[in-house]
């Protein structure tokens, strides 16, 4: 569902913006399962 998928990604990216430091790295991997990793330095 596009709207729900956008809300998931938006929320994770905005949380990283507000509560993280430095760059945010978003990685997509496809190894039988689709894995999306959001990684950054946490300020909390």
ModelCIF file with pLDDT and N, C-alpha, C, O atoms, coordinates in Angstrom:
data_MODEL
#
_entry.id   MODEL 
#
_entity.id                         1 
_entity.type                       polymer 
_entity.pdbx_number_of_molecules   1 
#
_entity_poly.entity_id                      1 
_entity_poly.type                           'polypeptide(L)' 
_entity_poly.nstd_linkage                   no 
_entity_poly.nstd_monomer                   no 
_entity_poly.pdbx_seq_one_letter_code       
;(UNK)(UNK)(UNK)(UNK)(UNK)(UNK)(UNK)(UNK)(UNK)(UNK)(UNK)(UNK)(UNK)(UNK)(UNK)(UNK)
(UNK)(UNK)(UNK)(UNK)(UNK)(UNK)(UNK)(UNK)(UNK)(UNK)(UNK)(UNK)(UNK)(UNK)(UNK)(UNK)
(UNK)(UNK)(UNK)(UNK)(UNK)(UNK)(UNK)(UNK)(UNK)(UNK)(UNK)(UNK)
;
_entity_poly.pdbx_seq_one_letter_code_can   XXXXXXXXXXXXXXXXXXXXXXXXXXXXXXXXXXXXXXXXXXXX 
_entity_poly.pdbx_strand_id                 A 
#
loop_
_entity_poly_seq.entity_id 
_entity_poly_seq.num 
_entity_poly_seq.mon_id 
_entity_poly_seq.hetero 
1 1  UNK n 
1 2  UNK n 
1 3  UNK n 
1 4  UNK n 
1 5  UNK n 
1 6  UNK n 
1 7  UNK n 
1 8  UNK n 
1 9  UNK n 
1 10 UNK n 
1 11 UNK n 
1 12 UNK n 
1 13 UNK n 
1 14 UNK n 
1 15 UNK n 
1 16 UNK n 
1 17 UNK n 
1 18 UNK n 
1 19 UNK n 
1 20 UNK n 
1 21 UNK n 
1 22 UNK n 
1 23 UNK n 
1 24 UNK n 
1 25 UNK n 
1 26 UNK n 
1 27 UNK n 
1 28 UNK n 
1 29 UNK n 
1 30 UNK n 
1 31 UNK n 
1 32 UNK n 
1 33 UNK n 
1 34 UNK n 
1 35 UNK n 
1 36 UNK n 
1 37 UNK n 
1 38 UNK n 
1 39 UNK n 
1 40 UNK n 
1 41 UNK n 
1 42 UNK n 
1 43 UNK n 
1 44 UNK n 
#
_struct_asym.id          A 
_struct_asym.entity_id   1 
#
loop_
_ma_qa_metric.id 
_ma_qa_metric.mode 
_ma_qa_metric.name 
_ma_qa_metric.software_group_id 
_ma_qa_metric.type 
1 global pLDDT . pLDDT 
2 local  pLDDT . pLDDT 
#
_ma_qa_metric_global.metric_id      1 
_ma_qa_metric_global.metric_value   89.43 
_ma_qa_metric_global.model_id       1 
_ma_qa_metric_global.ordinal_id     1 
#
loop_
_ma_qa_metric_local.label_asym_id 
_ma_qa_metric_local.label_comp_id 
_ma_qa_metric_local.label_seq_id 
_ma_qa_metric_local.metric_id 
_ma_qa_metric_local.metric_value 
_ma_qa_metric_local.model_id 
_ma_qa_metric_local.ordinal_id 
A UNK 1  2 92.00 1 1  
A UNK 2  2 91.00 1 2  
A UNK 3  2 87.00 1 3  
A UNK 4  2 89.00 1 4  
A UNK 5  2 93.00 1 5  
A UNK 6  2 91.00 1 6  
A UNK 7  2 86.00 1 7  
A UNK 8  2 91.00 1 8  
A UNK 9  2 94.00 1 9  
A UNK 10 2 90.00 1 10 
A UNK 11 2 85.00 1 11 
A UNK 12 2 92.00 1 12 
A UNK 13 2 93.00 1 13 
A UNK 14 2 86.00 1 14 
A UNK 15 2 83.00 1 15 
A UNK 16 2 88.00 1 16 
A UNK 17 2 89.00 1 17 
A UNK 18 2 82.00 1 18 
A UNK 19 2 82.00 1 19 
A UNK 20 2 86.00 1 20 
A UNK 21 2 88.00 1 21 
A UNK 22 2 89.00 1 22 
A UNK 23 2 94.00 1 23 
A UNK 24 2 95.00 1 24 
A UNK 25 2 95.00 1 25 
A UNK 26 2 96.00 1 26 
A UNK 27 2 95.00 1 27 
A UNK 28 2 95.00 1 28 
A UNK 29 2 91.00 1 29 
A UNK 30 2 89.00 1 30 
A UNK 31 2 85.00 1 31 
A UNK 32 2 83.00 1 32 
A UNK 33 2 91.00 1 33 
A UNK 34 2 93.00 1 34 
A UNK 35 2 94.00 1 35 
A UNK 36 2 96.00 1 36 
A UNK 37 2 96.00 1 37 
A UNK 38 2 96.00 1 38 
A UNK 39 2 94.00 1 39 
A UNK 40 2 92.00 1 40 
A UNK 41 2 89.00 1 41 
A UNK 42 2 82.00 1 42 
A UNK 43 2 77.00 1 43 
A UNK 44 2 70.00 1 44 
#
loop_
_atom_site.group_PDB 
_atom_site.id 
_atom_site.type_symbol 
_atom_site.label_atom_id 
_atom_site.label_alt_id 
_atom_site.label_comp_id 
_atom_site.label_asym_id 
_atom_site.label_entity_id 
_atom_site.label_seq_id 
_atom_site.pdbx_PDB_ins_code 
_atom_site.Cartn_x 
_atom_site.Cartn_y 
_atom_site.Cartn_z 
_atom_site.occupancy 
_atom_site.B_iso_or_equiv 
_atom_site.pdbx_formal_charge 
_atom_site.auth_seq_id 
_atom_site.auth_comp_id 
_atom_site.auth_asym_id 
_atom_site.auth_atom_id 
_atom_site.pdbx_PDB_model_num 
ATOM 1   N N  . UNK A 1 1  ? 0.862  -1.176  0.000  1.00 92.00 ? 1  UNK A N  1 
ATOM 2   C CA . UNK A 1 1  ? 0.000  0.000   0.000  1.00 92.00 ? 1  UNK A CA 1 
ATOM 3   C C  . UNK A 1 1  ? 0.901  1.228   0.000  1.00 92.00 ? 1  UNK A C  1 
ATOM 4   O O  . UNK A 1 1  ? 1.677  1.429   0.934  1.00 92.00 ? 1  UNK A O  1 
ATOM 5   N N  . UNK A 1 2  ? 0.803  2.045   -1.036 1.00 91.00 ? 2  UNK A N  1 
ATOM 6   C CA . UNK A 1 2  ? 1.754  3.144   -1.207 1.00 91.00 ? 2  UNK A CA 1 
ATOM 7   C C  . UNK A 1 2  ? 1.697  4.159   -0.063 1.00 91.00 ? 2  UNK A C  1 
ATOM 8   O O  . UNK A 1 2  ? 2.739  4.586   0.434  1.00 91.00 ? 2  UNK A O  1 
ATOM 9   N N  . UNK A 1 3  ? 0.499  4.545   0.355  1.00 87.00 ? 3  UNK A N  1 
ATOM 10  C CA . UNK A 1 3  ? 0.386  5.539   1.430  1.00 87.00 ? 3  UNK A CA 1 
ATOM 11  C C  . UNK A 1 3  ? 1.009  5.038   2.727  1.00 87.00 ? 3  UNK A C  1 
ATOM 12  O O  . UNK A 1 3  ? 1.729  5.774   3.401  1.00 87.00 ? 3  UNK A O  1 
ATOM 13  N N  . UNK A 1 4  ? 0.731  3.789   3.073  1.00 89.00 ? 4  UNK A N  1 
ATOM 14  C CA . UNK A 1 4  ? 1.266  3.238   4.322  1.00 89.00 ? 4  UNK A CA 1 
ATOM 15  C C  . UNK A 1 4  ? 2.778  3.057   4.232  1.00 89.00 ? 4  UNK A C  1 
ATOM 16  O O  . UNK A 1 4  ? 3.498  3.287   5.203  1.00 89.00 ? 4  UNK A O  1 
ATOM 17  N N  . UNK A 1 5  ? 3.252  2.644   3.055  1.00 93.00 ? 5  UNK A N  1 
ATOM 18  C CA . UNK A 1 5  ? 4.689  2.466   2.868  1.00 93.00 ? 5  UNK A CA 1 
ATOM 19  C C  . UNK A 1 5  ? 5.419  3.805   2.981  1.00 93.00 ? 5  UNK A C  1 
ATOM 20  O O  . UNK A 1 5  ? 6.492  3.889   3.578  1.00 93.00 ? 5  UNK A O  1 
ATOM 21  N N  . UNK A 1 6  ? 4.826  4.843   2.401  1.00 91.00 ? 6  UNK A N  1 
ATOM 22  C CA . UNK A 1 6  ? 5.409  6.187   2.523  1.00 91.00 ? 6  UNK A CA 1 
ATOM 23  C C  . UNK A 1 6  ? 5.463  6.636   3.980  1.00 91.00 ? 6  UNK A C  1 
ATOM 24  O O  . UNK A 1 6  ? 6.448  7.236   4.412  1.00 91.00 ? 6  UNK A O  1 
ATOM 25  N N  . UNK A 1 7  ? 4.399  6.344   4.741  1.00 86.00 ? 7  UNK A N  1 
ATOM 26  C CA . UNK A 1 7  ? 4.378  6.746   6.148  1.00 86.00 ? 7  UNK A CA 1 
ATOM 27  C C  . UNK A 1 7  ? 5.477  6.049   6.938  1.00 86.00 ? 7  UNK A C  1 
ATOM 28  O O  . UNK A 1 7  ? 6.092  6.655   7.815  1.00 86.00 ? 7  UNK A O  1 
ATOM 29  N N  . UNK A 1 8  ? 5.725  4.786   6.633  1.00 91.00 ? 8  UNK A N  1 
ATOM 30  C CA . UNK A 1 8  ? 6.787  4.046   7.328  1.00 91.00 ? 8  UNK A CA 1 
ATOM 31  C C  . UNK A 1 8  ? 8.136  4.694   7.047  1.00 91.00 ? 8  UNK A C  1 
ATOM 32  O O  . UNK A 1 8  ? 8.885  5.005   7.974  1.00 91.00 ? 8  UNK A O  1 
ATOM 33  N N  . UNK A 1 9  ? 8.450  4.901   5.755  1.00 94.00 ? 9  UNK A N  1 
ATOM 34  C CA . UNK A 1 9  ? 9.744  5.469   5.383  1.00 94.00 ? 9  UNK A CA 1 
ATOM 35  C C  . UNK A 1 9  ? 9.879  6.909   5.875  1.00 94.00 ? 9  UNK A C  1 
ATOM 36  O O  . UNK A 1 9  ? 10.929 7.299   6.385  1.00 94.00 ? 9  UNK A O  1 
ATOM 37  N N  . UNK A 1 10 ? 8.815  7.693   5.721  1.00 90.00 ? 10 UNK A N  1 
ATOM 38  C CA . UNK A 1 10 ? 8.854  9.083   6.189  1.00 90.00 ? 10 UNK A CA 1 
ATOM 39  C C  . UNK A 1 10 ? 9.155  9.146   7.679  1.00 90.00 ? 10 UNK A C  1 
ATOM 40  O O  . UNK A 1 10 ? 9.967  9.954   8.130  1.00 90.00 ? 10 UNK A O  1 
ATOM 41  N N  . UNK A 1 11 ? 8.489  8.285   8.432  1.00 85.00 ? 11 UNK A N  1 
ATOM 42  C CA . UNK A 1 11 ? 8.663  8.319   9.882  1.00 85.00 ? 11 UNK A CA 1 
ATOM 43  C C  . UNK A 1 11 ? 10.086 7.956   10.287 1.00 85.00 ? 11 UNK A C  1 
ATOM 44  O O  . UNK A 1 11 ? 10.661 8.594   11.168 1.00 85.00 ? 11 UNK A O  1 
ATOM 45  N N  . UNK A 1 12 ? 10.653 6.943   9.656  1.00 92.00 ? 12 UNK A N  1 
ATOM 46  C CA . UNK A 1 12 ? 12.012 6.515   9.992  1.00 92.00 ? 12 UNK A CA 1 
ATOM 47  C C  . UNK A 1 12 ? 13.041 7.574   9.593  1.00 92.00 ? 12 UNK A C  1 
ATOM 48  O O  . UNK A 1 12 ? 13.988 7.829   10.336 1.00 92.00 ? 12 UNK A O  1 
ATOM 49  N N  . UNK A 1 13 ? 12.860 8.188   8.429  1.00 93.00 ? 13 UNK A N  1 
ATOM 50  C CA . UNK A 1 13 ? 13.799 9.220   7.982  1.00 93.00 ? 13 UNK A CA 1 
ATOM 51  C C  . UNK A 1 13 ? 13.686 10.475  8.853  1.00 93.00 ? 13 UNK A C  1 
ATOM 52  O O  . UNK A 1 13 ? 14.697 11.088  9.196  1.00 93.00 ? 13 UNK A O  1 
ATOM 53  N N  . UNK A 1 14 ? 12.452 10.856  9.209  1.00 86.00 ? 14 UNK A N  1 
ATOM 54  C CA . UNK A 1 14 ? 12.277 12.042  10.046 1.00 86.00 ? 14 UNK A CA 1 
ATOM 55  C C  . UNK A 1 14 ? 12.791 11.818  11.460 1.00 86.00 ? 14 UNK A C  1 
ATOM 56  O O  . UNK A 1 14 ? 13.318 12.742  12.079 1.00 86.00 ? 14 UNK A O  1 
ATOM 57  N N  . UNK A 1 15 ? 12.643 10.598  11.980 1.00 83.00 ? 15 UNK A N  1 
ATOM 58  C CA . UNK A 1 15 ? 13.196 10.290  13.305 1.00 83.00 ? 15 UNK A CA 1 
ATOM 59  C C  . UNK A 1 15 ? 14.716 10.358  13.292 1.00 83.00 ? 15 UNK A C  1 
ATOM 60  O O  . UNK A 1 15 ? 15.329 10.851  14.238 1.00 83.00 ? 15 UNK A O  1 
ATOM 61  N N  . UNK A 1 16 ? 15.322 9.863   12.219 1.00 88.00 ? 16 UNK A N  1 
ATOM 62  C CA . UNK A 1 16 ? 16.776 9.941   12.097 1.00 88.00 ? 16 UNK A CA 1 
ATOM 63  C C  . UNK A 1 16 ? 17.236 11.389  11.997 1.00 88.00 ? 16 UNK A C  1 
ATOM 64  O O  . UNK A 1 16 ? 18.297 11.743  12.512 1.00 88.00 ? 16 UNK A O  1 
ATOM 65  N N  . UNK A 1 17 ? 16.437 12.231  11.334 1.00 89.00 ? 17 UNK A N  1 
ATOM 66  C CA . UNK A 1 17 ? 16.768 13.650  11.212 1.00 89.00 ? 17 UNK A CA 1 
ATOM 67  C C  . UNK A 1 17 ? 16.733 14.331  12.573 1.00 89.00 ? 17 UNK A C  1 
ATOM 68  O O  . UNK A 1 17 ? 17.630 15.102  12.913 1.00 89.00 ? 17 UNK A O  1 
ATOM 69  N N  . UNK A 1 18 ? 15.705 14.046  13.339 1.00 82.00 ? 18 UNK A N  1 
ATOM 70  C CA . UNK A 1 18 ? 15.506 14.768  14.592 1.00 82.00 ? 18 UNK A CA 1 
ATOM 71  C C  . UNK A 1 18 ? 16.347 14.218  15.735 1.00 82.00 ? 18 UNK A C  1 
ATOM 72  O O  . UNK A 1 18 ? 16.756 14.970  16.620 1.00 82.00 ? 18 UNK A O  1 
ATOM 73  N N  . UNK A 1 19 ? 16.608 12.925  15.725 1.00 82.00 ? 19 UNK A N  1 
ATOM 74  C CA . UNK A 1 19 ? 17.267 12.304  16.883 1.00 82.00 ? 19 UNK A CA 1 
ATOM 75  C C  . UNK A 1 19 ? 18.638 11.704  16.552 1.00 82.00 ? 19 UNK A C  1 
ATOM 76  O O  . UNK A 1 19 ? 19.226 10.994  17.368 1.00 82.00 ? 19 UNK A O  1 
ATOM 77  N N  . UNK A 1 20 ? 19.136 11.998  15.350 1.00 86.00 ? 20 UNK A N  1 
ATOM 78  C CA . UNK A 1 20 ? 20.428 11.457  14.964 1.00 86.00 ? 20 UNK A CA 1 
ATOM 79  C C  . UNK A 1 20 ? 21.440 12.543  14.654 1.00 86.00 ? 20 UNK A C  1 
ATOM 80  O O  . UNK A 1 20 ? 21.126 13.733  14.658 1.00 86.00 ? 20 UNK A O  1 
ATOM 81  N N  . UNK A 1 21 ? 22.652 12.109  14.387 1.00 88.00 ? 21 UNK A N  1 
ATOM 82  C CA . UNK A 1 21 ? 23.738 13.005  14.030 1.00 88.00 ? 21 UNK A CA 1 
ATOM 83  C C  . UNK A 1 21 ? 24.421 12.475  12.774 1.00 88.00 ? 21 UNK A C  1 
ATOM 84  O O  . UNK A 1 21 ? 24.399 11.275  12.500 1.00 88.00 ? 21 UNK A O  1 
ATOM 85  N N  . UNK A 1 22 ? 25.030 13.389  12.014 1.00 89.00 ? 22 UNK A N  1 
ATOM 86  C CA . UNK A 1 22 ? 25.756 12.967  10.814 1.00 89.00 ? 22 UNK A CA 1 
ATOM 87  C C  . UNK A 1 22 ? 24.804 12.508  9.729  1.00 89.00 ? 22 UNK A C  1 
ATOM 88  O O  . UNK A 1 22 ? 23.602 12.768  9.781  1.00 89.00 ? 22 UNK A O  1 
ATOM 89  N N  . UNK A 1 23 ? 25.361 11.819  8.743  1.00 94.00 ? 23 UNK A N  1 
ATOM 90  C CA . UNK A 1 23 ? 24.570 11.378  7.593  1.00 94.00 ? 23 UNK A CA 1 
ATOM 91  C C  . UNK A 1 23 ? 23.727 10.157  7.933  1.00 94.00 ? 23 UNK A C  1 
ATOM 92  O O  . UNK A 1 23 ? 24.062 9.367   8.815  1.00 94.00 ? 23 UNK A O  1 
ATOM 93  N N  . UNK A 1 24 ? 22.636 10.031  7.214  1.00 95.00 ? 24 UNK A N  1 
ATOM 94  C CA . UNK A 1 24 ? 21.781 8.846   7.303  1.00 95.00 ? 24 UNK A CA 1 
ATOM 95  C C  . UNK A 1 24 ? 22.064 7.973   6.083  1.00 95.00 ? 24 UNK A C  1 
ATOM 96  O O  . UNK A 1 24 ? 22.012 8.445   4.948  1.00 95.00 ? 24 UNK A O  1 
ATOM 97  N N  . UNK A 1 25 ? 22.359 6.709   6.323  1.00 95.00 ? 25 UNK A N  1 
ATOM 98  C CA . UNK A 1 25 ? 22.592 5.770   5.225  1.00 95.00 ? 25 UNK A CA 1 
ATOM 99  C C  . UNK A 1 25 ? 21.397 4.835   5.106  1.00 95.00 ? 25 UNK A C  1 
ATOM 100 O O  . UNK A 1 25 ? 21.025 4.158   6.064  1.00 95.00 ? 25 UNK A O  1 
ATOM 101 N N  . UNK A 1 26 ? 20.803 4.808   3.923  1.00 96.00 ? 26 UNK A N  1 
ATOM 102 C CA . UNK A 1 26 ? 19.669 3.922   3.654  1.00 96.00 ? 26 UNK A CA 1 
ATOM 103 C C  . UNK A 1 26 ? 20.120 2.886   2.633  1.00 96.00 ? 26 UNK A C  1 
ATOM 104 O O  . UNK A 1 26 ? 20.491 3.228   1.510  1.00 96.00 ? 26 UNK A O  1 
ATOM 105 N N  . UNK A 1 27 ? 20.086 1.624   3.031  1.00 95.00 ? 27 UNK A N  1 
ATOM 106 C CA . UNK A 1 27 ? 20.581 0.542   2.174  1.00 95.00 ? 27 UNK A CA 1 
ATOM 107 C C  . UNK A 1 27 ? 19.454 -0.432  1.854  1.00 95.00 ? 27 UNK A C  1 
ATOM 108 O O  . UNK A 1 27 ? 18.700 -0.838  2.738  1.00 95.00 ? 27 UNK A O  1 
ATOM 109 N N  . UNK A 1 28 ? 19.349 -0.802  0.585  1.00 95.00 ? 28 UNK A N  1 
ATOM 110 C CA . UNK A 1 28 ? 18.357 -1.787  0.165  1.00 95.00 ? 28 UNK A CA 1 
ATOM 111 C C  . UNK A 1 28 ? 19.078 -3.045  -0.296 1.00 95.00 ? 28 UNK A C  1 
ATOM 112 O O  . UNK A 1 28 ? 19.948 -2.992  -1.165 1.00 95.00 ? 28 UNK A O  1 
ATOM 113 N N  . UNK A 1 29 ? 18.706 -4.178  0.296  1.00 91.00 ? 29 UNK A N  1 
ATOM 114 C CA . UNK A 1 29 ? 19.311 -5.463  -0.051 1.00 91.00 ? 29 UNK A CA 1 
ATOM 115 C C  . UNK A 1 29 ? 18.208 -6.440  -0.463 1.00 91.00 ? 29 UNK A C  1 
ATOM 116 O O  . UNK A 1 29 ? 17.130 -6.464  0.133  1.00 91.00 ? 29 UNK A O  1 
ATOM 117 N N  . UNK A 1 30 ? 18.490 -7.235  -1.479 1.00 89.00 ? 30 UNK A N  1 
ATOM 118 C CA . UNK A 1 30 ? 17.526 -8.245  -1.932 1.00 89.00 ? 30 UNK A CA 1 
ATOM 119 C C  . UNK A 1 30 ? 18.207 -9.600  -1.970 1.00 89.00 ? 30 UNK A C  1 
ATOM 120 O O  . UNK A 1 30 ? 18.910 -9.926  -2.926 1.00 89.00 ? 30 UNK A O  1 
ATOM 121 N N  . UNK A 1 31 ? 17.997 -10.384 -0.929 1.00 85.00 ? 31 UNK A N  1 
ATOM 122 C CA . UNK A 1 31 ? 18.605 -11.717 -0.838 1.00 85.00 ? 31 UNK A CA 1 
ATOM 123 C C  . UNK A 1 31 ? 17.525 -12.749 -0.526 1.00 85.00 ? 31 UNK A C  1 
ATOM 124 O O  . UNK A 1 31 ? 17.609 -13.480 0.461  1.00 85.00 ? 31 UNK A O  1 
ATOM 125 N N  . UNK A 1 32 ? 16.513 -12.794 -1.386 1.00 83.00 ? 32 UNK A N  1 
ATOM 126 C CA . UNK A 1 32 ? 15.364 -13.646 -1.104 1.00 83.00 ? 32 UNK A CA 1 
ATOM 127 C C  . UNK A 1 32 ? 14.305 -12.881 -0.341 1.00 83.00 ? 32 UNK A C  1 
ATOM 128 O O  . UNK A 1 32 ? 13.108 -13.066 -0.561 1.00 83.00 ? 32 UNK A O  1 
ATOM 129 N N  . UNK A 1 33 ? 14.751 -12.026 0.551  1.00 91.00 ? 33 UNK A N  1 
ATOM 130 C CA . UNK A 1 33 ? 13.890 -11.070 1.240  1.00 91.00 ? 33 UNK A CA 1 
ATOM 131 C C  . UNK A 1 33 ? 14.410 -9.661  0.972  1.00 91.00 ? 33 UNK A C  1 
ATOM 132 O O  . UNK A 1 33 ? 15.611 -9.452  0.802  1.00 91.00 ? 33 UNK A O  1 
ATOM 133 N N  . UNK A 1 34 ? 13.489 -8.696  0.936  1.00 93.00 ? 34 UNK A N  1 
ATOM 134 C CA . UNK A 1 34 ? 13.886 -7.303  0.734  1.00 93.00 ? 34 UNK A CA 1 
ATOM 135 C C  . UNK A 1 34 ? 14.147 -6.687  2.097  1.00 93.00 ? 34 UNK A C  1 
ATOM 136 O O  . UNK A 1 34 ? 13.265 -6.662  2.954  1.00 93.00 ? 34 UNK A O  1 
ATOM 137 N N  . UNK A 1 35 ? 15.342 -6.198  2.290  1.00 94.00 ? 35 UNK A N  1 
ATOM 138 C CA . UNK A 1 35 ? 15.765 -5.654  3.581  1.00 94.00 ? 35 UNK A CA 1 
ATOM 139 C C  . UNK A 1 35 ? 16.191 -4.203  3.397  1.00 94.00 ? 35 UNK A C  1 
ATOM 140 O O  . UNK A 1 35 ? 17.119 -3.913  2.641  1.00 94.00 ? 35 UNK A O  1 
ATOM 141 N N  . UNK A 1 36 ? 15.507 -3.286  4.096  1.00 96.00 ? 36 UNK A N  1 
ATOM 142 C CA . UNK A 1 36 ? 15.846 -1.871  4.033  1.00 96.00 ? 36 UNK A CA 1 
ATOM 143 C C  . UNK A 1 36 ? 16.429 -1.466  5.383  1.00 96.00 ? 36 UNK A C  1 
ATOM 144 O O  . UNK A 1 36 ? 15.768 -1.589  6.415  1.00 96.00 ? 36 UNK A O  1 
ATOM 145 N N  . UNK A 1 37 ? 17.675 -0.982  5.370  1.00 96.00 ? 37 UNK A N  1 
ATOM 146 C CA . UNK A 1 37 ? 18.373 -0.638  6.615  1.00 96.00 ? 37 UNK A CA 1 
ATOM 147 C C  . UNK A 1 37 ? 18.574 0.871   6.688  1.00 96.00 ? 37 UNK A C  1 
ATOM 148 O O  . UNK A 1 37 ? 19.115 1.480   5.765  1.00 96.00 ? 37 UNK A O  1 
ATOM 149 N N  . UNK A 1 38 ? 18.135 1.467   7.791  1.00 96.00 ? 38 UNK A N  1 
ATOM 150 C CA . UNK A 1 38 ? 18.332 2.899   8.063  1.00 96.00 ? 38 UNK A CA 1 
ATOM 151 C C  . UNK A 1 38 ? 19.365 3.001   9.185  1.00 96.00 ? 38 UNK A C  1 
ATOM 152 O O  . UNK A 1 38 ? 19.127 2.534   10.299 1.00 96.00 ? 38 UNK A O  1 
ATOM 153 N N  . UNK A 1 39 ? 20.518 3.615   8.885  1.00 94.00 ? 39 UNK A N  1 
ATOM 154 C CA . UNK A 1 39 ? 21.618 3.647   9.860  1.00 94.00 ? 39 UNK A CA 1 
ATOM 155 C C  . UNK A 1 39 ? 22.159 5.058   10.039 1.00 94.00 ? 39 UNK A C  1 
ATOM 156 O O  . UNK A 1 39 ? 22.436 5.761   9.067  1.00 94.00 ? 39 UNK A O  1 
ATOM 157 N N  . UNK A 1 40 ? 22.306 5.460   11.297 1.00 92.00 ? 40 UNK A N  1 
ATOM 158 C CA . UNK A 1 40 ? 22.924 6.754   11.595 1.00 92.00 ? 40 UNK A CA 1 
ATOM 159 C C  . UNK A 1 40 ? 23.435 6.740   13.038 1.00 92.00 ? 40 UNK A C  1 
ATOM 160 O O  . UNK A 1 40 ? 23.240 5.771   13.771 1.00 92.00 ? 40 UNK A O  1 
ATOM 161 N N  . UNK A 1 41 ? 24.079 7.810   13.419 1.00 89.00 ? 41 UNK A N  1 
ATOM 162 C CA . UNK A 1 41 ? 24.566 7.965   14.795 1.00 89.00 ? 41 UNK A CA 1 
ATOM 163 C C  . UNK A 1 41 ? 23.442 8.555   15.637 1.00 89.00 ? 41 UNK A C  1 
ATOM 164 O O  . UNK A 1 41 ? 22.864 9.583   15.286 1.00 89.00 ? 41 UNK A O  1 
ATOM 165 N N  . UNK A 1 42 ? 23.141 7.900   16.740 1.00 82.00 ? 42 UNK A N  1 
ATOM 166 C CA . UNK A 1 42 ? 22.030 8.341   17.584 1.00 82.00 ? 42 UNK A CA 1 
ATOM 167 C C  . UNK A 1 42 ? 22.509 9.354   18.614 1.00 82.00 ? 42 UNK A C  1 
ATOM 168 O O  . UNK A 1 42 ? 23.547 9.167   19.248 1.00 82.00 ? 42 UNK A O  1 
ATOM 169 N N  . UNK A 1 43 ? 21.739 10.433  18.774 1.00 77.00 ? 43 UNK A N  1 
ATOM 170 C CA . UNK A 1 43 ? 22.105 11.469  19.744 1.00 77.00 ? 43 UNK A CA 1 
ATOM 171 C C  . UNK A 1 43 ? 21.450 11.239  21.101 1.00 77.00 ? 43 UNK A C  1 
ATOM 172 O O  . UNK A 1 43 ? 21.766 11.934  22.066 1.00 77.00 ? 43 UNK A O  1 
ATOM 173 N N  . UNK A 1 44 ? 20.531 10.258  21.183 1.00 70.00 ? 44 UNK A N  1 
ATOM 174 C CA . UNK A 1 44 ? 19.842 9.975   22.443 1.00 70.00 ? 44 UNK A CA 1 
ATOM 175 C C  . UNK A 1 44 ? 20.582 8.882   23.207 1.00 70.00 ? 44 UNK A C  1 
ATOM 176 O O  . UNK A 1 44 ? 20.161 8.497   24.298 1.00 70.00 ? 44 UNK A O  1 
#
